[in-house]
Amino acid sequence: MLWSDTLLILVLGLATEAAFGYPNRLYMLIRHPVTWIGWLIAKLDCTLNRETWSPSRRRVAGALALLLLLAVAVSVAKLLEIAAFSLGMAGLGLLAVLASSLLAQRSLHDHVATVSAGLREDGINGGRKAVSLIVGRNPESLDEAGVSRAAIESLAENFSDGVVAPAFWLGVGGLVGAALYKVANTADSMIGHRTPRHEAFGWAAARFDDLVNLPASRLTALLIIAAAALNRDASPRQAFNAVWRDAPHHRSPNAGWPEAAMAGALGLRLAGPRVYGDVQVEDRWMGDGRAEATAQDIERALALYRTACGLQFGLAAGLALVVYLIVR
């Protein structure tokens, strides 16, 4: 596949997902690629992650499970690419539709917007109910500021994980690249936790996810900084300062970059101490603004997100045009 074709698929995929998302009727009919991936991960976890095995053996089993998952993703995506290209130009459109299912611009926006609407319409209870659908922390421990910060943090981190990263790997490696990334990210979310069951078995998934997210997390921070420069209600200078100062101190090697950029751009403090279940996590603050975030701040973050998505689309389209002119 020519790189110009890959970039065209990326541009069309971004436009398709932004316009239509993943239709509910399609989800009810065939579910979503992530649910298929999740089913296979759960089967491998049940089969290969045996509590009677030693930690080192479980680590090896986890690495083999990851390799199997990646091999399945490559095989399926490559077969789809071959089948699509046999259809000529129509195949590019088909691949764009398939690729759009691995992006989450619209769904991420809608889920976070629901938190703001919940706070405004039903107060703290509405906000807690809505935010519980997108974050893993205990919603009952959150006040209005905590709910608002959680929603904004989820928006920033998932902009990297759910939008920029799959788009980046789609642009680099076509449908195969995007499928590989989606498998790695889903595996990390399911088994890449430091729990007694998954600390050894999920080690390879967690480390591989850190690696494949590294370029996108930095690119996401740059997109947010650039978006802040185009938004009168945000500060690109503070966004840059927060990334430079705070991002390396986040417990995640990647999540701190978009979170710090978002915090600085909006004049907020994000991350910090949080409660997951009954466990208190002592994390560093990202940004040096106010911690008392509100529903209005969620809406400011969404406006910044929309601008950043537009910049990403423009960057992809511009790169596609340059490559096309070079190879024509």
C-alpha atoms as a PDB file:
ATOM      1  CA  MET A   1       0.000   0.000   0.000  1.00  0.00           C
ATOM      2  CA  LEU A   2       1.304   3.453  -0.913  1.00  0.00           C
ATOM      3  CA  TRP A   3       1.720   5.922   1.949  1.00  0.00           C
ATOM      4  CA  SER A   4      -0.465   8.377   0.025  1.00  0.00           C
ATOM      5  CA  ASP A   5      -3.279   5.786   0.145  1.00  0.00           C
ATOM      6  CA  THR A   6      -2.738   5.249   3.862  1.00  0.00           C
ATOM      7  CA  LEU A   7      -2.963   8.966   4.569  1.00  0.00           C
ATOM      8  CA  LEU A   8      -6.086   9.301   2.429  1.00  0.00           C
ATOM      9  CA  ILE A   9      -7.696   6.509   4.464  1.00  0.00           C
ATOM     10  CA  LEU A  10      -6.709   8.390   7.631  1.00  0.00           C
ATOM     11  CA  VAL A  11      -8.309  11.641   6.423  1.00  0.00           C
ATOM     12  CA  LEU A  12     -11.489   9.911   5.280  1.00  0.00           C
ATOM     13  CA  GLY A  13     -11.635   7.852   8.479  1.00  0.00           C
ATOM     14  CA  LEU A  14     -11.330  10.924  10.692  1.00  0.00           C
ATOM     15  CA  ALA A  15     -14.041  12.724   8.715  1.00  0.00           C
ATOM     16  CA  THR A  16     -16.377   9.712   8.777  1.00  0.00           C
ATOM     17  CA  GLU A  17     -16.035   9.155  12.515  1.00  0.00           C
ATOM     18  CA  ALA A  18     -16.444  12.852  13.323  1.00  0.00           C
ATOM     19  CA  ALA A  19     -19.619  12.999  11.249  1.00  0.00           C
ATOM     20  CA  PHE A  20     -21.282   9.733  12.244  1.00  0.00           C
ATOM     21  CA  GLY A  21     -19.439   8.167  15.170  1.00  0.00           C
ATOM     22  CA  TYR A  22     -20.208   4.473  15.590  1.00  0.00           C
ATOM     23  CA  PRO A  23     -23.968   4.085  14.958  1.00  0.00           C
ATOM     24  CA  ASN A  24     -25.963   2.473  17.773  1.00  0.00           C
ATOM     25  CA  ARG A  25     -27.799   0.241  15.308  1.00  0.00           C
ATOM     26  CA  LEU A  26     -24.490  -1.117  14.047  1.00  0.00           C
ATOM     27  CA  TYR A  27     -23.347  -1.706  17.604  1.00  0.00           C
ATOM     28  CA  MET A  28     -26.526  -3.615  18.430  1.00  0.00           C
ATOM     29  CA  LEU A  29     -26.097  -5.687  15.266  1.00  0.00           C
ATOM     30  CA  ILE A  30     -22.398  -6.622  15.394  1.00  0.00           C
ATOM     31  CA  ARG A  31     -21.087  -4.910  18.544  1.00  0.00           C
ATOM     32  CA  HIS A  32     -17.766  -3.054  18.165  1.00  0.00           C
ATOM     33  CA  PRO A  33     -14.217  -4.167  17.260  1.00  0.00           C
ATOM     34  CA  VAL A  34     -13.120  -3.397  20.826  1.00  0.00           C
ATOM     35  CA  THR A  35     -15.713  -5.852  22.179  1.00  0.00           C
ATOM     36  CA  TRP A  36     -14.352  -8.569  19.884  1.00  0.00           C
ATOM     37  CA  ILE A  37     -10.808  -7.818  21.029  1.00  0.00           C
ATOM     38  CA  GLY A  38     -11.966  -7.770  24.645  1.00  0.00           C
ATOM     39  CA  TRP A  39     -13.614 -11.183  24.255  1.00  0.00           C
ATOM     40  CA  LEU A  40     -10.348 -12.721  23.026  1.00  0.00           C
ATOM     41  CA  ILE A  41      -8.317 -11.042  25.786  1.00  0.00           C
ATOM     42  CA  ALA A  42     -10.734 -12.374  28.410  1.00  0.00           C
ATOM     43  CA  LYS A  43     -10.429 -15.902  26.986  1.00  0.00           C
ATOM     44  CA  LEU A  44      -6.630 -15.760  27.040  1.00  0.00           C
ATOM     45  CA  ASP A  45      -6.657 -14.335  30.560  1.00  0.00           C
ATOM     46  CA  CYS A  46      -8.885 -17.171  31.744  1.00  0.00           C
ATOM     47  CA  THR A  47      -6.824 -19.842  29.957  1.00  0.00           C
ATOM     48  CA  LEU A  48      -3.212 -18.700  30.435  1.00  0.00           C
ATOM     49  CA  ASN A  49      -3.245 -16.655  33.641  1.00  0.00           C
ATOM     50  CA  ARG A  50      -3.160 -19.435  36.250  1.00  0.00           C
ATOM     51  CA  GLU A  51      -2.826 -18.502  39.881  1.00  0.00           C
ATOM     52  CA  THR A  52      -0.881 -21.677  40.639  1.00  0.00           C
ATOM     53  CA  TRP A  53       1.936 -20.589  38.326  1.00  0.00           C
ATOM     54  CA  SER A  54       4.932 -18.587  39.503  1.00  0.00           C
ATOM     55  CA  PRO A  55       5.112 -14.844  38.699  1.00  0.00           C
ATOM     56  CA  SER A  56       7.857 -15.420  36.128  1.00  0.00           C
ATOM     57  CA  ARG A  57       5.826 -18.100  34.341  1.00  0.00           C
ATOM     58  CA  ARG A  58       2.754 -15.881  34.350  1.00  0.00           C
ATOM     59  CA  ARG A  59       4.834 -13.033  32.895  1.00  0.00           C
ATOM     60  CA  VAL A  60       5.952 -15.295  30.039  1.00  0.00           C
ATOM     61  CA  ALA A  61       2.360 -16.443  29.517  1.00  0.00           C
ATOM     62  CA  GLY A  62       1.241 -12.819  29.359  1.00  0.00           C
ATOM     63  CA  ALA A  63       3.884 -12.000  26.766  1.00  0.00           C
ATOM     64  CA  LEU A  64       2.790 -14.979  24.650  1.00  0.00           C
ATOM     65  CA  ALA A  65      -0.840 -13.888  24.979  1.00  0.00           C
ATOM     66  CA  LEU A  66       0.082 -10.401  23.753  1.00  0.00           C
ATOM     67  CA  LEU A  67       1.987 -11.838  20.778  1.00  0.00           C
ATOM     68  CA  LEU A  68      -1.012 -13.991  19.877  1.00  0.00           C
ATOM     69  CA  LEU A  69      -3.339 -10.992  20.094  1.00  0.00           C
ATOM     70  CA  LEU A  70      -1.070  -8.922  17.858  1.00  0.00           C
ATOM     71  CA  ALA A  71      -0.759 -11.783  15.351  1.00  0.00           C
ATOM     72  CA  VAL A  72      -4.546 -12.102  15.126  1.00  0.00           C
ATOM     73  CA  ALA A  73      -4.888  -8.327  14.646  1.00  0.00           C
ATOM     74  CA  VAL A  74      -2.284  -8.283  11.855  1.00  0.00           C
ATOM     75  CA  SER A  75      -3.853 -11.250  10.088  1.00  0.00           C
ATOM     76  CA  VAL A  76      -7.420  -9.950  10.172  1.00  0.00           C
ATOM     77  CA  ALA A  77      -6.488  -6.370   9.245  1.00  0.00           C
ATOM     78  CA  LYS A  78      -4.220  -7.507   6.400  1.00  0.00           C
ATOM     79  CA  LEU A  79      -6.915  -9.750   4.951  1.00  0.00           C
ATOM     80  CA  LEU A  80      -9.387  -6.867   5.087  1.00  0.00           C
ATOM     81  CA  GLU A  81      -6.885  -4.578   3.339  1.00  0.00           C
ATOM     82  CA  ILE A  82      -6.283  -7.147   0.567  1.00  0.00           C
ATOM     83  CA  ALA A  83     -10.010  -7.683   0.086  1.00  0.00           C
ATOM     84  CA  ALA A  84     -10.722  -3.949   0.038  1.00  0.00           C
ATOM     85  CA  PHE A  85      -8.020  -3.119  -2.492  1.00  0.00           C
ATOM     86  CA  SER A  86      -9.400  -5.748  -4.830  1.00  0.00           C
ATOM     87  CA  LEU A  87     -12.412  -3.430  -5.165  1.00  0.00           C
ATOM     88  CA  GLY A  88     -10.335  -0.562  -6.569  1.00  0.00           C
ATOM     89  CA  MET A  89     -11.096   2.998  -5.436  1.00  0.00           C
ATOM     90  CA  ALA A  90     -14.226   1.833  -3.631  1.00  0.00           C
ATOM     91  CA  GLY A  91     -11.922  -0.182  -1.399  1.00  0.00           C
ATOM     92  CA  LEU A  92     -10.365   3.000  -0.042  1.00  0.00           C
ATOM     93  CA  GLY A  93     -13.779   4.147   1.102  1.00  0.00           C
ATOM     94  CA  LEU A  94     -14.448   0.774   2.727  1.00  0.00           C
ATOM     95  CA  LEU A  95     -11.113   0.887   4.553  1.00  0.00           C
ATOM     96  CA  ALA A  96     -11.899   4.416   5.740  1.00  0.00           C
ATOM     97  CA  VAL A  97     -15.199   3.211   7.214  1.00  0.00           C
ATOM     98  CA  LEU A  98     -13.434   0.288   8.909  1.00  0.00           C
ATOM     99  CA  ALA A  99     -10.720   2.608  10.226  1.00  0.00           C
ATOM    100  CA  SER A 100     -13.309   5.034  11.586  1.00  0.00           C
ATOM    101  CA  SER A 101     -14.485   2.328  14.002  1.00  0.00           C
ATOM    102  CA  LEU A 102     -11.055   2.448  15.683  1.00  0.00           C
ATOM    103  CA  LEU A 103     -11.281   6.209  16.344  1.00  0.00           C
ATOM    104  CA  ALA A 104     -13.314   7.857  19.109  1.00  0.00           C
ATOM    105  CA  GLN A 105     -13.552  11.607  18.442  1.00  0.00           C
ATOM    106  CA  ARG A 106     -17.335  11.867  18.526  1.00  0.00           C
ATOM    107  CA  SER A 107     -18.052   9.289  21.234  1.00  0.00           C
ATOM    108  CA  LEU A 108     -15.445  10.786  23.583  1.00  0.00           C
ATOM    109  CA  HIS A 109     -16.940  14.252  23.121  1.00  0.00           C
ATOM    110  CA  ASP A 110     -20.479  12.980  23.736  1.00  0.00           C
ATOM    111  CA  HIS A 111     -19.563  11.021  26.878  1.00  0.00           C
ATOM    112  CA  VAL A 112     -17.750  13.961  28.465  1.00  0.00           C
ATOM    113  CA  ALA A 113     -20.501  16.397  27.469  1.00  0.00           C
ATOM    114  CA  THR A 114     -22.961  14.136  29.306  1.00  0.00           C
ATOM    115  CA  VAL A 115     -21.093  14.818  32.564  1.00  0.00           C
ATOM    116  CA  SER A 116     -21.477  18.565  32.132  1.00  0.00           C
ATOM    117  CA  ALA A 117     -25.157  18.144  31.295  1.00  0.00           C
ATOM    118  CA  GLY A 118     -25.628  15.865  34.304  1.00  0.00           C
ATOM    119  CA  LEU A 119     -24.148  18.451  36.670  1.00  0.00           C
ATOM    120  CA  ARG A 120     -26.245  21.270  35.245  1.00  0.00           C
ATOM    121  CA  GLU A 121     -29.530  19.346  35.131  1.00  0.00           C
ATOM    122  CA  ASP A 122     -29.348  16.990  38.145  1.00  0.00           C
ATOM    123  CA  GLY A 123     -26.588  18.416  40.309  1.00  0.00           C
ATOM    124  CA  ILE A 124     -23.918  16.287  41.947  1.00  0.00           C
ATOM    125  CA  ASN A 125     -25.884  13.029  41.630  1.00  0.00           C
ATOM    126  CA  GLY A 126     -26.311  13.522  37.888  1.00  0.00           C
ATOM    127  CA  GLY A 127     -22.628  14.351  37.506  1.00  0.00           C
ATOM    128  CA  ARG A 128     -21.520  11.327  39.534  1.00  0.00           C
ATOM    129  CA  LYS A 129     -23.735   8.988  37.516  1.00  0.00           C
ATOM    130  CA  ALA A 130     -22.425  10.309  34.203  1.00  0.00           C
ATOM    131  CA  VAL A 131     -18.748  10.369  35.204  1.00  0.00           C
ATOM    132  CA  SER A 132     -18.925   6.803  36.553  1.00  0.00           C
ATOM    133  CA  LEU A 133     -19.337   5.641  32.950  1.00  0.00           C
ATOM    134  CA  ILE A 134     -15.981   7.063  31.824  1.00  0.00           C
ATOM    135  CA  VAL A 135     -13.612   6.830  34.830  1.00  0.00           C
ATOM    136  CA  GLY A 136     -12.601   4.065  37.204  1.00  0.00           C
ATOM    137  CA  ARG A 137     -12.491   6.055  40.416  1.00  0.00           C
ATOM    138  CA  ASN A 138     -15.156   5.879  43.131  1.00  0.00           C
ATOM    139  CA  PRO A 139     -17.817   8.468  42.092  1.00  0.00           C
ATOM    140  CA  GLU A 140     -19.248   8.683  45.636  1.00  0.00           C
ATOM    141  CA  SER A 141     -15.944  10.179  46.793  1.00  0.00           C
ATOM    142  CA  LEU A 142     -16.223  13.056  44.292  1.00  0.00           C
ATOM    143  CA  ASP A 143     -17.718  16.474  44.893  1.00  0.00           C
ATOM    144  CA  GLU A 144     -18.627  18.776  41.981  1.00  0.00           C
ATOM    145  CA  ALA A 145     -15.014  19.851  41.493  1.00  0.00           C
ATOM    146  CA  GLY A 146     -13.863  16.225  41.604  1.00  0.00           C
ATOM    147  CA  VAL A 147     -16.465  15.169  39.052  1.00  0.00           C
ATOM    148  CA  SER A 148     -15.483  18.049  36.770  1.00  0.00           C
ATOM    149  CA  ARG A 149     -11.760  17.339  37.061  1.00  0.00           C
ATOM    150  CA  ALA A 150     -12.344  13.629  36.414  1.00  0.00           C
ATOM    151  CA  ALA A 151     -14.272  14.406  33.234  1.00  0.00           C
ATOM    152  CA  ILE A 152     -11.598  16.810  31.969  1.00  0.00           C
ATOM    153  CA  GLU A 153      -8.785  14.380  32.827  1.00  0.00           C
ATOM    154  CA  SER A 154     -10.626  11.604  30.971  1.00  0.00           C
ATOM    155  CA  LEU A 155     -11.089  13.901  27.973  1.00  0.00           C
ATOM    156  CA  ALA A 156      -7.382  14.777  27.882  1.00  0.00           C
ATOM    157  CA  GLU A 157      -6.060  11.248  28.389  1.00  0.00           C
ATOM    158  CA  ASN A 158      -8.538   9.612  26.015  1.00  0.00           C
ATOM    159  CA  PHE A 159      -7.883  12.254  23.379  1.00  0.00           C
ATOM    160  CA  SER A 160      -4.407  10.743  23.286  1.00  0.00           C
ATOM    161  CA  ASP A 161      -5.370   7.074  23.708  1.00  0.00           C
ATOM    162  CA  GLY A 162      -8.614   6.991  21.758  1.00  0.00           C
ATOM    163  CA  VAL A 163      -8.098   9.576  19.024  1.00  0.00           C
ATOM    164  CA  VAL A 164      -4.540  10.738  18.360  1.00  0.00           C
ATOM    165  CA  ALA A 165      -2.782   7.395  18.940  1.00  0.00           C
ATOM    166  CA  PRO A 166      -4.994   5.261  16.655  1.00  0.00           C
ATOM    167  CA  ALA A 167      -4.911   8.060  14.053  1.00  0.00           C
ATOM    168  CA  PHE A 168      -1.102   8.214  14.302  1.00  0.00           C
ATOM    169  CA  TRP A 169      -0.677   4.464  13.831  1.00  0.00           C
ATOM    170  CA  LEU A 170      -3.318   4.440  11.094  1.00  0.00           C
ATOM    171  CA  GLY A 171      -1.286   7.063   9.255  1.00  0.00           C
ATOM    172  CA  VAL A 172       1.946   5.120   9.783  1.00  0.00           C
ATOM    173  CA  GLY A 173       0.753   1.587   9.091  1.00  0.00           C
ATOM    174  CA  GLY A 174      -2.718   1.671   7.620  1.00  0.00           C
ATOM    175  CA  LEU A 175      -5.498  -0.493   9.026  1.00  0.00           C
ATOM    176  CA  VAL A 176      -2.880  -2.956  10.300  1.00  0.00           C
ATOM    177  CA  GLY A 177      -1.156  -0.239  12.325  1.00  0.00           C
ATOM    178  CA  ALA A 178      -4.426   1.015  13.827  1.00  0.00           C
ATOM    179  CA  ALA A 179      -5.574  -2.533  14.665  1.00  0.00           C
ATOM    180  CA  LEU A 180      -2.256  -3.327  16.357  1.00  0.00           C
ATOM    181  CA  TYR A 181      -2.539  -0.201  18.466  1.00  0.00           C
ATOM    182  CA  LYS A 182      -6.165  -0.881  19.419  1.00  0.00           C
ATOM    183  CA  VAL A 183      -5.287  -4.416  20.546  1.00  0.00           C
ATOM    184  CA  ALA A 184      -2.378  -3.126  22.643  1.00  0.00           C
ATOM    185  CA  ASN A 185      -4.469  -0.387  24.252  1.00  0.00           C
ATOM    186  CA  THR A 186      -7.421  -2.681  24.993  1.00  0.00           C
ATOM    187  CA  ALA A 187      -5.108  -5.309  26.482  1.00  0.00           C
ATOM    188  CA  ASP A 188      -3.559  -2.710  28.761  1.00  0.00           C
ATOM    189  CA  SER A 189      -6.973  -1.497  29.920  1.00  0.00           C
ATOM    190  CA  MET A 190      -8.091  -5.041  30.736  1.00  0.00           C
ATOM    191  CA  ILE A 191      -4.998  -6.789  32.104  1.00  0.00           C
ATOM    192  CA  GLY A 192      -2.303  -4.122  32.446  1.00  0.00           C
ATOM    193  CA  HIS A 193      -3.055  -3.366  36.102  1.00  0.00           C
ATOM    194  CA  ARG A 194      -0.868  -3.778  39.178  1.00  0.00           C
ATOM    195  CA  THR A 195      -3.228  -6.176  40.917  1.00  0.00           C
ATOM    196  CA  PRO A 196      -2.387  -9.602  42.360  1.00  0.00           C
ATOM    197  CA  ARG A 197      -3.975 -11.288  39.341  1.00  0.00           C
ATOM    198  CA  HIS A 198      -2.528  -9.115  36.576  1.00  0.00           C
ATOM    199  CA  GLU A 199       0.748  -7.593  37.782  1.00  0.00           C
ATOM    200  CA  ALA A 200       2.791 -10.428  36.235  1.00  0.00           C
ATOM    201  CA  PHE A 201       0.470 -11.590  33.450  1.00  0.00           C
ATOM    202  CA  GLY A 202      -0.266  -8.053  32.258  1.00  0.00           C
ATOM    203  CA  TRP A 203       3.312  -6.781  32.481  1.00  0.00           C
ATOM    204  CA  ALA A 204       4.033  -7.148  28.743  1.00  0.00           C
ATOM    205  CA  ALA A 205       0.722  -5.545  27.767  1.00  0.00           C
ATOM    206  CA  ALA A 206       1.328  -2.555  30.044  1.00  0.00           C
ATOM    207  CA  ARG A 207       4.908  -1.991  28.863  1.00  0.00           C
ATOM    208  CA  PHE A 208       3.986  -2.365  25.179  1.00  0.00           C
ATOM    209  CA  ASP A 209       1.089   0.080  25.587  1.00  0.00           C
ATOM    210  CA  ASP A 210       3.460   2.605  27.186  1.00  0.00           C
ATOM    211  CA  LEU A 211       5.739   2.269  24.161  1.00  0.00           C
ATOM    212  CA  VAL A 212       3.120   2.634  21.417  1.00  0.00           C
ATOM    213  CA  ASN A 213       1.474   5.587  23.185  1.00  0.00           C
ATOM    214  CA  LEU A 214       4.697   7.552  23.588  1.00  0.00           C
ATOM    215  CA  PRO A 215       4.642   9.488  20.261  1.00  0.00           C
ATOM    216  CA  ALA A 216       0.907  10.197  20.384  1.00  0.00           C
ATOM    217  CA  SER A 217       0.945  11.548  23.951  1.00  0.00           C
ATOM    218  CA  ARG A 218       3.547  14.144  22.980  1.00  0.00           C
ATOM    219  CA  LEU A 219       1.681  15.001  19.788  1.00  0.00           C
ATOM    220  CA  THR A 220      -1.555  15.371  21.771  1.00  0.00           C
ATOM    221  CA  ALA A 221       0.093  17.871  24.103  1.00  0.00           C
ATOM    222  CA  LEU A 222       1.270  19.887  21.084  1.00  0.00           C
ATOM    223  CA  LEU A 223      -2.224  19.822  19.565  1.00  0.00           C
ATOM    224  CA  ILE A 224      -3.746  21.098  22.827  1.00  0.00           C
ATOM    225  CA  ILE A 225      -1.135  23.856  23.081  1.00  0.00           C
ATOM    226  CA  ALA A 226      -1.809  24.866  19.460  1.00  0.00           C
ATOM    227  CA  ALA A 227      -5.567  24.752  20.068  1.00  0.00           C
ATOM    228  CA  ALA A 228      -5.125  27.000  23.110  1.00  0.00           C
ATOM    229  CA  ALA A 229      -3.417  29.558  20.850  1.00  0.00           C
ATOM    230  CA  LEU A 230      -6.614  29.663  18.757  1.00  0.00           C
ATOM    231  CA  ASN A 231      -8.977  29.849  21.721  1.00  0.00           C
ATOM    232  CA  ARG A 232      -9.465  33.167  23.525  1.00  0.00           C
ATOM    233  CA  ASP A 233     -10.462  31.320  26.696  1.00  0.00           C
ATOM    234  CA  ALA A 234      -7.198  29.347  26.968  1.00  0.00           C
ATOM    235  CA  SER A 235      -3.481  30.017  27.412  1.00  0.00           C
ATOM    236  CA  PRO A 236      -0.885  28.318  25.172  1.00  0.00           C
ATOM    237  CA  ARG A 237       1.957  29.686  27.316  1.00  0.00           C
ATOM    238  CA  GLN A 238       0.579  28.190  30.518  1.00  0.00           C
ATOM    239  CA  ALA A 239      -0.163  24.938  28.698  1.00  0.00           C
ATOM    240  CA  PHE A 240       3.458  24.702  27.536  1.00  0.00           C
ATOM    241  CA  ASN A 241       4.798  25.585  30.990  1.00  0.00           C
ATOM    242  CA  ALA A 242       2.618  22.933  32.652  1.00  0.00           C
ATOM    243  CA  VAL A 243       3.786  20.257  30.210  1.00  0.00           C
ATOM    244  CA  TRP A 244       7.446  21.206  30.654  1.00  0.00           C
ATOM    245  CA  ARG A 245       7.189  21.331  34.442  1.00  0.00           C
ATOM    246  CA  ASP A 246       4.649  18.669  35.395  1.00  0.00           C
ATOM    247  CA  ALA A 247       4.265  15.990  32.694  1.00  0.00           C
ATOM    248  CA  PRO A 248       7.453  14.053  33.594  1.00  0.00           C
ATOM    249  CA  HIS A 249       6.217  13.699  37.207  1.00  0.00           C
ATOM    250  CA  HIS A 250       2.945  11.914  36.375  1.00  0.00           C
ATOM    251  CA  ARG A 251       2.828   8.262  37.451  1.00  0.00           C
ATOM    252  CA  SER A 252       2.103   7.366  33.810  1.00  0.00           C
ATOM    253  CA  PRO A 253       4.862   7.999  31.242  1.00  0.00           C
ATOM    254  CA  ASN A 254       2.244   9.231  28.770  1.00  0.00           C
ATOM    255  CA  ALA A 255      -0.948  10.443  30.482  1.00  0.00           C
ATOM    256  CA  GLY A 256       0.773  13.430  32.070  1.00  0.00           C
ATOM    257  CA  TRP A 257       1.439  15.098  28.725  1.00  0.00           C
ATOM    258  CA  PRO A 258      -2.152  15.719  27.581  1.00  0.00           C
ATOM    259  CA  GLU A 259      -3.394  16.216  31.159  1.00  0.00           C
ATOM    260  CA  ALA A 260      -0.745  18.829  31.928  1.00  0.00           C
ATOM    261  CA  ALA A 261      -1.394  20.605  28.616  1.00  0.00           C
ATOM    262  CA  MET A 262      -5.150  20.695  29.278  1.00  0.00           C
ATOM    263  CA  ALA A 263      -4.657  21.856  32.876  1.00  0.00           C
ATOM    264  CA  GLY A 264      -2.311  24.664  31.913  1.00  0.00           C
ATOM    265  CA  ALA A 265      -4.429  25.783  28.965  1.00  0.00           C
ATOM    266  CA  LEU A 266      -7.548  26.098  31.162  1.00  0.00           C
ATOM    267  CA  GLY A 267      -5.832  27.471  34.291  1.00  0.00           C
ATOM    268  CA  LEU A 268      -6.694  24.364  36.327  1.00  0.00           C
ATOM    269  CA  ARG A 269      -5.037  21.701  38.448  1.00  0.00           C
ATOM    270  CA  LEU A 270      -5.714  18.130  37.303  1.00  0.00           C
ATOM    271  CA  ALA A 271      -4.712  14.643  38.478  1.00  0.00           C
ATOM    272  CA  GLY A 272      -3.461  14.896  42.080  1.00  0.00           C
ATOM    273  CA  PRO A 273      -4.680  12.571  44.882  1.00  0.00           C
ATOM    274  CA  ARG A 274      -7.556  10.325  43.789  1.00  0.00           C
ATOM    275  CA  VAL A 275      -9.545   7.331  45.031  1.00  0.00           C
ATOM    276  CA  TYR A 276      -9.958   4.183  42.899  1.00  0.00           C
ATOM    277  CA  GLY A 277     -12.365   1.835  44.649  1.00  0.00           C
ATOM    278  CA  ASP A 278     -11.102   1.966  48.213  1.00  0.00           C
ATOM    279  CA  VAL A 279      -7.498   2.764  47.264  1.00  0.00           C
ATOM    280  CA  GLN A 280      -6.088   6.272  47.661  1.00  0.00           C
ATOM    281  CA  VAL A 281      -3.640   7.162  44.880  1.00  0.00           C
ATOM    282  CA  GLU A 282      -1.182   9.941  45.701  1.00  0.00           C
ATOM    283  CA  ASP A 283      -0.402  11.463  42.326  1.00  0.00           C
ATOM    284  CA  ARG A 284       1.266  14.762  41.455  1.00  0.00           C
ATOM    285  CA  TRP A 285      -0.862  17.716  40.395  1.00  0.00           C
ATOM    286  CA  MET A 286      -0.730  18.715  36.728  1.00  0.00           C
ATOM    287  CA  GLY A 287      -0.932  22.491  36.350  1.00  0.00           C
ATOM    288  CA  ASP A 288      -0.816  25.162  39.056  1.00  0.00           C
ATOM    289  CA  GLY A 289      -4.263  26.754  38.605  1.00  0.00           C
ATOM    290  CA  ARG A 290      -7.416  26.262  40.630  1.00  0.00           C
ATOM    291  CA  ALA A 291      -8.628  22.807  41.635  1.00  0.00           C
ATOM    292  CA  GLU A 292     -12.275  23.915  41.950  1.00  0.00           C
ATOM    293  CA  ALA A 293     -13.365  22.947  38.445  1.00  0.00           C
ATOM    294  CA  THR A 294     -16.993  23.311  37.332  1.00  0.00           C
ATOM    295  CA  ALA A 295     -19.362  22.202  34.578  1.00  0.00           C
ATOM    296  CA  GLN A 296     -18.375  25.365  32.706  1.00  0.00           C
ATOM    297  CA  ASP A 297     -14.745  24.193  32.765  1.00  0.00           C
ATOM    298  CA  ILE A 298     -15.803  20.884  31.212  1.00  0.00           C
ATOM    299  CA  GLU A 299     -17.421  22.865  28.411  1.00  0.00           C
ATOM    300  CA  ARG A 300     -14.258  24.970  28.008  1.00  0.00           C
ATOM    301  CA  ALA A 301     -12.245  21.760  27.768  1.00  0.00           C
ATOM    302  CA  LEU A 302     -14.624  20.391  25.133  1.00  0.00           C
ATOM    303  CA  ALA A 303     -14.254  23.574  23.072  1.00  0.00           C
ATOM    304  CA  LEU A 304     -10.471  23.173  23.233  1.00  0.00           C
ATOM    305  CA  TYR A 305     -10.829  19.500  22.298  1.00  0.00           C
ATOM    306  CA  ARG A 306     -12.918  20.321  19.222  1.00  0.00           C
ATOM    307  CA  THR A 307     -10.291  22.797  18.056  1.00  0.00           C
ATOM    308  CA  ALA A 308      -7.520  20.248  18.624  1.00  0.00           C
ATOM    309  CA  CYS A 309      -9.455  17.629  16.626  1.00  0.00           C
ATOM    310  CA  GLY A 310      -9.798  20.148  13.809  1.00  0.00           C
ATOM    311  CA  LEU A 311      -6.055  20.799  13.906  1.00  0.00           C
ATOM    312  CA  GLN A 312      -5.353  17.075  13.779  1.00  0.00           C
ATOM    313  CA  PHE A 313      -7.595  16.715  10.734  1.00  0.00           C
ATOM    314  CA  GLY A 314      -5.891  19.670   9.056  1.00  0.00           C
ATOM    315  CA  LEU A 315      -2.466  18.210   9.805  1.00  0.00           C
ATOM    316  CA  ALA A 316      -3.464  14.836   8.350  1.00  0.00           C
ATOM    317  CA  ALA A 317      -5.022  16.431   5.255  1.00  0.00           C
ATOM    318  CA  GLY A 318      -2.008  18.672   4.690  1.00  0.00           C
ATOM    319  CA  LEU A 319       0.411  15.771   5.010  1.00  0.00           C
ATOM    320  CA  ALA A 320      -1.718  13.657   2.672  1.00  0.00           C
ATOM    321  CA  LEU A 321      -1.681  16.420   0.050  1.00  0.00           C
ATOM    322  CA  VAL A 322       2.098  16.903   0.302  1.00  0.00           C
ATOM    323  CA  VAL A 323       2.782  13.171  -0.036  1.00  0.00           C
ATOM    324  CA  TYR A 324       0.356  12.901  -2.967  1.00  0.00           C
ATOM    325  CA  LEU A 325       2.104  15.746  -4.799  1.00  0.00           C
ATOM    326  CA  ILE A 326       5.487  14.116  -4.201  1.00  0.00           C
ATOM    327  CA  VAL A 327       4.552  10.613  -5.398  1.00  0.00           C
ATOM    328  CA  ARG A 328       2.198  11.542  -8.288  1.00  0.00           C
END
